[in-house]
Amino acid sequence: MIEYKGYVAAVEFDDSADILHGRVVNSGPYPIATFEATDAKQLRREFERSIDEYLAWCEEDGVEPRKPFSGRLNVRLGSELHAAVAAAAAARGMSINAWIVQALRETSGAATLPA
C-alpha cells in the first residue's frame, strides 16, 4: 500500500506482463484512479500524478472530489451483540469504540496502520 494526500492505493504485480498495477482503495465503492508502472519509483510517480490530475480535474469542473474515507463508520450490531461488546470492553477497561478499533486492527491485518 502507498499513500499520497490521504489517498491509499493497493498494488498488484502482473507476472505475465511484468507490470505493477495500482488503484485507490479508500475513496468509495470504485477507485478514483488507477495506474501502472514497471518499477516502484515509477509506480509512486504515476500514483501521485493520477491523484494530482484527478484533483485538478475536479477543481476545473467544479466537482467535489471523492474524499478518502473519513474514519467514521456506523455499525448496527443488534442489542445482544451490543451488550456483549460493551461487557468485553468494560472488562478490559476500554470504551466500546476503542475495543472495536482494537478488534478490527487485530483481525484485519491493519495493526501496523497509523491511528
N, C-alpha and C. Protein backbone atom coordinates (compact mmCIF):
# COMPACT_ATOMS: atom_id res chain seq x y z
N MET A 1 0.84 -1.17 0.00
CA MET A 1 0.00 0.00 0.00
C MET A 1 0.89 1.24 0.00
N ILE A 2 0.45 2.25 -0.74
CA ILE A 2 1.15 3.53 -0.76
C ILE A 2 0.12 4.62 -0.51
N GLU A 3 0.58 5.78 0.00
CA GLU A 3 -0.33 6.86 0.37
C GLU A 3 0.17 8.17 -0.19
N TYR A 4 -0.77 9.02 -0.62
CA TYR A 4 -0.47 10.36 -1.12
C TYR A 4 -1.69 11.23 -0.91
N LYS A 5 -1.52 12.37 -0.22
CA LYS A 5 -2.60 13.33 0.03
C LYS A 5 -3.82 12.67 0.67
N GLY A 6 -3.57 11.66 1.51
CA GLY A 6 -4.66 10.97 2.19
C GLY A 6 -5.25 9.82 1.41
N TYR A 7 -4.95 9.70 0.14
CA TYR A 7 -5.45 8.59 -0.67
C TYR A 7 -4.49 7.41 -0.55
N VAL A 8 -5.05 6.21 -0.45
CA VAL A 8 -4.26 4.99 -0.30
C VAL A 8 -4.51 4.12 -1.52
N ALA A 9 -3.43 3.54 -2.03
CA ALA A 9 -3.54 2.68 -3.19
C ALA A 9 -3.02 1.29 -2.86
N ALA A 10 -3.70 0.29 -3.37
CA ALA A 10 -3.24 -1.09 -3.31
C ALA A 10 -2.50 -1.38 -4.61
N VAL A 11 -1.49 -2.20 -4.52
CA VAL A 11 -0.66 -2.50 -5.68
C VAL A 11 -0.62 -4.01 -5.89
N GLU A 12 -0.73 -4.42 -7.13
CA GLU A 12 -0.61 -5.83 -7.50
C GLU A 12 0.41 -5.95 -8.61
N PHE A 13 1.05 -7.10 -8.67
CA PHE A 13 2.04 -7.37 -9.71
C PHE A 13 1.47 -8.34 -10.71
N ASP A 14 1.52 -7.99 -11.99
CA ASP A 14 1.09 -8.86 -13.08
C ASP A 14 2.33 -9.56 -13.61
N ASP A 15 2.52 -10.80 -13.19
CA ASP A 15 3.71 -11.57 -13.55
C ASP A 15 3.79 -11.83 -15.06
N SER A 16 2.66 -11.96 -15.70
CA SER A 16 2.67 -12.27 -17.13
C SER A 16 3.15 -11.09 -17.97
N ALA A 17 2.98 -9.86 -17.46
CA ALA A 17 3.38 -8.68 -18.21
C ALA A 17 4.50 -7.89 -17.53
N ASP A 18 4.95 -8.35 -16.37
CA ASP A 18 5.96 -7.63 -15.59
C ASP A 18 5.56 -6.18 -15.34
N ILE A 19 4.31 -5.99 -14.92
CA ILE A 19 3.79 -4.63 -14.68
C ILE A 19 3.15 -4.58 -13.29
N LEU A 20 3.39 -3.48 -12.61
CA LEU A 20 2.72 -3.20 -11.34
C LEU A 20 1.46 -2.39 -11.64
N HIS A 21 0.34 -2.83 -11.08
CA HIS A 21 -0.94 -2.12 -11.23
C HIS A 21 -1.34 -1.57 -9.87
N GLY A 22 -1.80 -0.34 -9.84
CA GLY A 22 -2.28 0.25 -8.59
C GLY A 22 -3.65 0.83 -8.76
N ARG A 23 -4.39 0.89 -7.64
CA ARG A 23 -5.72 1.52 -7.65
C ARG A 23 -5.98 2.10 -6.27
N VAL A 24 -6.64 3.25 -6.26
CA VAL A 24 -7.01 3.90 -5.00
C VAL A 24 -8.11 3.06 -4.35
N VAL A 25 -7.94 2.77 -3.06
CA VAL A 25 -8.88 1.88 -2.39
C VAL A 25 -9.66 2.53 -1.25
N ASN A 26 -9.39 3.79 -0.95
CA ASN A 26 -10.08 4.41 0.19
C ASN A 26 -10.91 5.63 -0.20
N SER A 27 -11.56 5.54 -1.36
CA SER A 27 -12.35 6.69 -1.80
C SER A 27 -13.77 6.31 -2.19
N GLY A 28 -14.24 5.18 -1.72
CA GLY A 28 -15.60 4.79 -2.03
C GLY A 28 -15.65 3.50 -2.80
N PRO A 29 -16.82 3.19 -3.37
CA PRO A 29 -17.03 1.87 -3.97
C PRO A 29 -16.26 1.61 -5.26
N TYR A 30 -15.75 2.64 -5.88
CA TYR A 30 -14.94 2.42 -7.09
C TYR A 30 -13.72 3.31 -7.01
N PRO A 31 -12.62 2.87 -7.61
CA PRO A 31 -11.39 3.67 -7.50
C PRO A 31 -11.48 4.96 -8.31
N ILE A 32 -10.96 6.05 -7.73
CA ILE A 32 -10.93 7.32 -8.45
C ILE A 32 -9.74 7.37 -9.40
N ALA A 33 -8.77 6.48 -9.17
CA ALA A 33 -7.59 6.47 -10.02
C ALA A 33 -7.00 5.07 -10.07
N THR A 34 -6.55 4.72 -11.25
CA THR A 34 -5.76 3.50 -11.45
C THR A 34 -4.50 3.92 -12.20
N PHE A 35 -3.46 3.12 -12.07
CA PHE A 35 -2.18 3.48 -12.69
C PHE A 35 -1.33 2.24 -12.78
N GLU A 36 -0.29 2.31 -13.59
CA GLU A 36 0.62 1.17 -13.71
C GLU A 36 2.02 1.65 -14.02
N ALA A 37 2.99 0.77 -13.74
CA ALA A 37 4.39 1.10 -13.97
C ALA A 37 5.20 -0.19 -13.97
N THR A 38 6.46 -0.05 -14.34
CA THR A 38 7.32 -1.22 -14.38
C THR A 38 8.27 -1.31 -13.18
N ASP A 39 8.34 -0.24 -12.37
CA ASP A 39 9.17 -0.31 -11.16
C ASP A 39 8.54 0.55 -10.07
N ALA A 40 9.05 0.41 -8.85
CA ALA A 40 8.44 1.06 -7.69
C ALA A 40 8.51 2.59 -7.77
N LYS A 41 9.62 3.14 -8.18
CA LYS A 41 9.73 4.61 -8.26
C LYS A 41 8.75 5.17 -9.28
N GLN A 42 8.67 4.52 -10.43
CA GLN A 42 7.74 4.97 -11.46
C GLN A 42 6.30 4.80 -10.98
N LEU A 43 6.03 3.73 -10.24
CA LEU A 43 4.68 3.49 -9.73
C LEU A 43 4.26 4.64 -8.80
N ARG A 44 5.14 5.03 -7.88
CA ARG A 44 4.83 6.14 -6.97
C ARG A 44 4.57 7.42 -7.77
N ARG A 45 5.42 7.71 -8.76
CA ARG A 45 5.21 8.91 -9.59
C ARG A 45 3.86 8.86 -10.29
N GLU A 46 3.51 7.71 -10.85
CA GLU A 46 2.24 7.57 -11.56
C GLU A 46 1.05 7.72 -10.61
N PHE A 47 1.19 7.17 -9.41
CA PHE A 47 0.14 7.31 -8.40
C PHE A 47 -0.06 8.78 -8.06
N GLU A 48 1.01 9.48 -7.75
CA GLU A 48 0.91 10.89 -7.40
C GLU A 48 0.39 11.72 -8.56
N ARG A 49 0.85 11.43 -9.77
CA ARG A 49 0.36 12.14 -10.95
C ARG A 49 -1.14 11.90 -11.12
N SER A 50 -1.59 10.66 -10.93
CA SER A 50 -3.01 10.33 -11.08
C SER A 50 -3.87 11.10 -10.08
N ILE A 51 -3.41 11.17 -8.83
CA ILE A 51 -4.17 11.90 -7.81
C ILE A 51 -4.18 13.38 -8.14
N ASP A 52 -3.03 13.95 -8.50
CA ASP A 52 -2.97 15.37 -8.84
C ASP A 52 -3.87 15.69 -10.03
N GLU A 53 -3.87 14.83 -11.05
CA GLU A 53 -4.74 15.06 -12.21
C GLU A 53 -6.21 14.95 -11.82
N TYR A 54 -6.54 13.98 -10.98
CA TYR A 54 -7.92 13.83 -10.53
C TYR A 54 -8.39 15.09 -9.79
N LEU A 55 -7.56 15.57 -8.85
CA LEU A 55 -7.92 16.76 -8.08
C LEU A 55 -8.01 18.00 -8.97
N ALA A 56 -7.11 18.11 -9.94
CA ALA A 56 -7.16 19.25 -10.88
C ALA A 56 -8.42 19.18 -11.73
N TRP A 57 -8.78 17.99 -12.19
CA TRP A 57 -9.99 17.82 -12.99
C TRP A 57 -11.22 18.23 -12.18
N CYS A 58 -11.27 17.79 -10.92
CA CYS A 58 -12.41 18.14 -10.06
C CYS A 58 -12.51 19.65 -9.90
N GLU A 59 -11.38 20.30 -9.64
CA GLU A 59 -11.38 21.75 -9.46
C GLU A 59 -11.80 22.45 -10.74
N GLU A 60 -11.27 22.00 -11.86
CA GLU A 60 -11.60 22.62 -13.16
C GLU A 60 -13.08 22.50 -13.49
N ASP A 61 -13.67 21.35 -13.16
CA ASP A 61 -15.08 21.11 -13.49
C ASP A 61 -16.03 21.51 -12.36
N GLY A 62 -15.48 22.02 -11.26
CA GLY A 62 -16.33 22.43 -10.15
C GLY A 62 -16.99 21.26 -9.45
N VAL A 63 -16.33 20.12 -9.46
CA VAL A 63 -16.86 18.90 -8.84
C VAL A 63 -16.15 18.68 -7.51
N GLU A 64 -16.90 18.30 -6.49
CA GLU A 64 -16.29 17.98 -5.20
C GLU A 64 -15.57 16.63 -5.33
N PRO A 65 -14.26 16.60 -5.07
CA PRO A 65 -13.54 15.32 -5.20
C PRO A 65 -14.00 14.32 -4.16
N ARG A 66 -13.95 13.06 -4.54
CA ARG A 66 -14.23 12.00 -3.58
C ARG A 66 -13.12 12.03 -2.55
N LYS A 67 -13.48 12.14 -1.33
CA LYS A 67 -12.51 12.23 -0.25
C LYS A 67 -12.11 10.84 0.20
N PRO A 68 -10.89 10.73 0.75
CA PRO A 68 -10.54 9.46 1.39
C PRO A 68 -11.53 9.18 2.52
N PHE A 69 -11.70 7.94 2.89
CA PHE A 69 -12.62 7.59 3.96
C PHE A 69 -12.35 8.45 5.18
N SER A 70 -13.40 8.87 5.84
CA SER A 70 -13.29 9.79 6.97
C SER A 70 -12.80 9.13 8.24
N GLY A 71 -12.97 7.83 8.35
CA GLY A 71 -12.62 7.15 9.59
C GLY A 71 -13.82 6.97 10.50
N ARG A 72 -14.97 7.45 10.06
CA ARG A 72 -16.21 7.28 10.82
C ARG A 72 -17.03 6.21 10.15
N LEU A 73 -17.57 5.30 10.96
CA LEU A 73 -18.35 4.19 10.44
C LEU A 73 -19.46 3.87 11.43
N ASN A 74 -20.69 3.86 10.97
CA ASN A 74 -21.82 3.47 11.81
C ASN A 74 -22.11 2.00 11.56
N VAL A 75 -22.20 1.23 12.63
CA VAL A 75 -22.43 -0.21 12.51
C VAL A 75 -23.65 -0.58 13.36
N ARG A 76 -24.55 -1.35 12.78
CA ARG A 76 -25.71 -1.85 13.52
C ARG A 76 -25.37 -3.25 14.03
N LEU A 77 -25.32 -3.40 15.36
CA LEU A 77 -24.89 -4.66 15.96
C LEU A 77 -26.03 -5.56 16.37
N GLY A 78 -27.17 -5.00 16.66
CA GLY A 78 -28.23 -5.76 17.32
C GLY A 78 -27.98 -5.66 18.82
N SER A 79 -29.05 -5.75 19.61
CA SER A 79 -28.93 -5.48 21.04
C SER A 79 -28.09 -6.52 21.78
N GLU A 80 -28.17 -7.79 21.41
CA GLU A 80 -27.40 -8.82 22.12
C GLU A 80 -25.90 -8.66 21.87
N LEU A 81 -25.50 -8.44 20.62
CA LEU A 81 -24.08 -8.25 20.32
C LEU A 81 -23.57 -6.95 20.93
N HIS A 82 -24.40 -5.91 20.92
CA HIS A 82 -24.03 -4.64 21.52
C HIS A 82 -23.72 -4.84 23.00
N ALA A 83 -24.56 -5.59 23.69
CA ALA A 83 -24.35 -5.85 25.11
C ALA A 83 -23.07 -6.66 25.34
N ALA A 84 -22.82 -7.65 24.48
CA ALA A 84 -21.61 -8.47 24.61
C ALA A 84 -20.36 -7.63 24.37
N VAL A 85 -20.40 -6.75 23.39
CA VAL A 85 -19.26 -5.88 23.10
C VAL A 85 -19.04 -4.92 24.26
N ALA A 86 -20.10 -4.35 24.79
CA ALA A 86 -19.98 -3.44 25.93
C ALA A 86 -19.36 -4.15 27.13
N ALA A 87 -19.77 -5.37 27.39
CA ALA A 87 -19.22 -6.14 28.51
C ALA A 87 -17.74 -6.45 28.28
N ALA A 88 -17.39 -6.85 27.06
CA ALA A 88 -15.99 -7.16 26.75
C ALA A 88 -15.12 -5.92 26.89
N ALA A 89 -15.61 -4.79 26.42
CA ALA A 89 -14.86 -3.53 26.52
C ALA A 89 -14.69 -3.14 27.99
N ALA A 90 -15.75 -3.23 28.76
CA ALA A 90 -15.68 -2.87 30.17
C ALA A 90 -14.71 -3.78 30.92
N ALA A 91 -14.68 -5.06 30.58
CA ALA A 91 -13.77 -6.00 31.22
C ALA A 91 -12.31 -5.64 30.98
N ARG A 92 -12.04 -4.98 29.87
CA ARG A 92 -10.68 -4.55 29.55
C ARG A 92 -10.42 -3.10 29.93
N GLY A 93 -11.42 -2.44 30.52
CA GLY A 93 -11.27 -1.05 30.91
C GLY A 93 -11.19 -0.12 29.71
N MET A 94 -11.89 -0.48 28.63
CA MET A 94 -11.84 0.29 27.39
C MET A 94 -13.23 0.80 27.04
N SER A 95 -13.26 1.85 26.23
CA SER A 95 -14.54 2.29 25.66
C SER A 95 -14.94 1.28 24.59
N ILE A 96 -16.20 1.28 24.25
CA ILE A 96 -16.67 0.40 23.17
C ILE A 96 -15.92 0.72 21.88
N ASN A 97 -15.78 2.01 21.57
CA ASN A 97 -15.09 2.41 20.34
C ASN A 97 -13.65 1.89 20.31
N ALA A 98 -12.91 2.10 21.41
CA ALA A 98 -11.52 1.64 21.46
C ALA A 98 -11.43 0.13 21.33
N TRP A 99 -12.35 -0.60 21.97
CA TRP A 99 -12.35 -2.05 21.89
C TRP A 99 -12.61 -2.52 20.46
N ILE A 100 -13.59 -1.90 19.79
CA ILE A 100 -13.90 -2.27 18.40
C ILE A 100 -12.73 -1.96 17.48
N VAL A 101 -12.12 -0.79 17.65
CA VAL A 101 -10.96 -0.43 16.82
C VAL A 101 -9.85 -1.46 17.02
N GLN A 102 -9.57 -1.82 18.27
CA GLN A 102 -8.52 -2.81 18.53
C GLN A 102 -8.86 -4.16 17.88
N ALA A 103 -10.10 -4.59 18.03
CA ALA A 103 -10.52 -5.87 17.44
C ALA A 103 -10.41 -5.84 15.92
N LEU A 104 -10.79 -4.75 15.30
CA LEU A 104 -10.72 -4.64 13.85
C LEU A 104 -9.27 -4.59 13.37
N ARG A 105 -8.41 -3.88 14.10
CA ARG A 105 -6.99 -3.84 13.73
C ARG A 105 -6.39 -5.24 13.80
N GLU A 106 -6.69 -5.96 14.86
CA GLU A 106 -6.12 -7.30 15.03
C GLU A 106 -6.62 -8.28 13.98
N THR A 107 -7.88 -8.20 13.60
CA THR A 107 -8.44 -9.18 12.66
C THR A 107 -8.31 -8.78 11.20
N SER A 108 -8.04 -7.50 10.92
CA SER A 108 -7.95 -7.07 9.53
C SER A 108 -6.53 -7.07 9.00
N GLY A 109 -5.57 -7.28 9.86
CA GLY A 109 -4.18 -7.18 9.43
C GLY A 109 -3.72 -5.75 9.37
N ALA A 110 -4.50 -4.82 9.93
CA ALA A 110 -4.15 -3.40 9.87
C ALA A 110 -3.49 -2.94 11.16
N ALA A 111 -2.96 -3.84 11.94
CA ALA A 111 -2.38 -3.48 13.23
C ALA A 111 -1.24 -2.48 13.11
N THR A 112 -0.59 -2.42 11.96
CA THR A 112 0.55 -1.51 11.82
C THR A 112 0.17 -0.18 11.18
N LEU A 113 -1.09 -0.01 10.78
CA LEU A 113 -1.52 1.25 10.17
C LEU A 113 -1.61 2.33 11.23
N PRO A 114 -1.36 3.59 10.87
CA PRO A 114 -1.49 4.67 11.86
C PRO A 114 -2.93 4.85 12.29
N ALA A 115 -3.12 5.34 13.49
CA ALA A 115 -4.47 5.56 14.03
C ALA A 115 -5.14 6.73 13.36
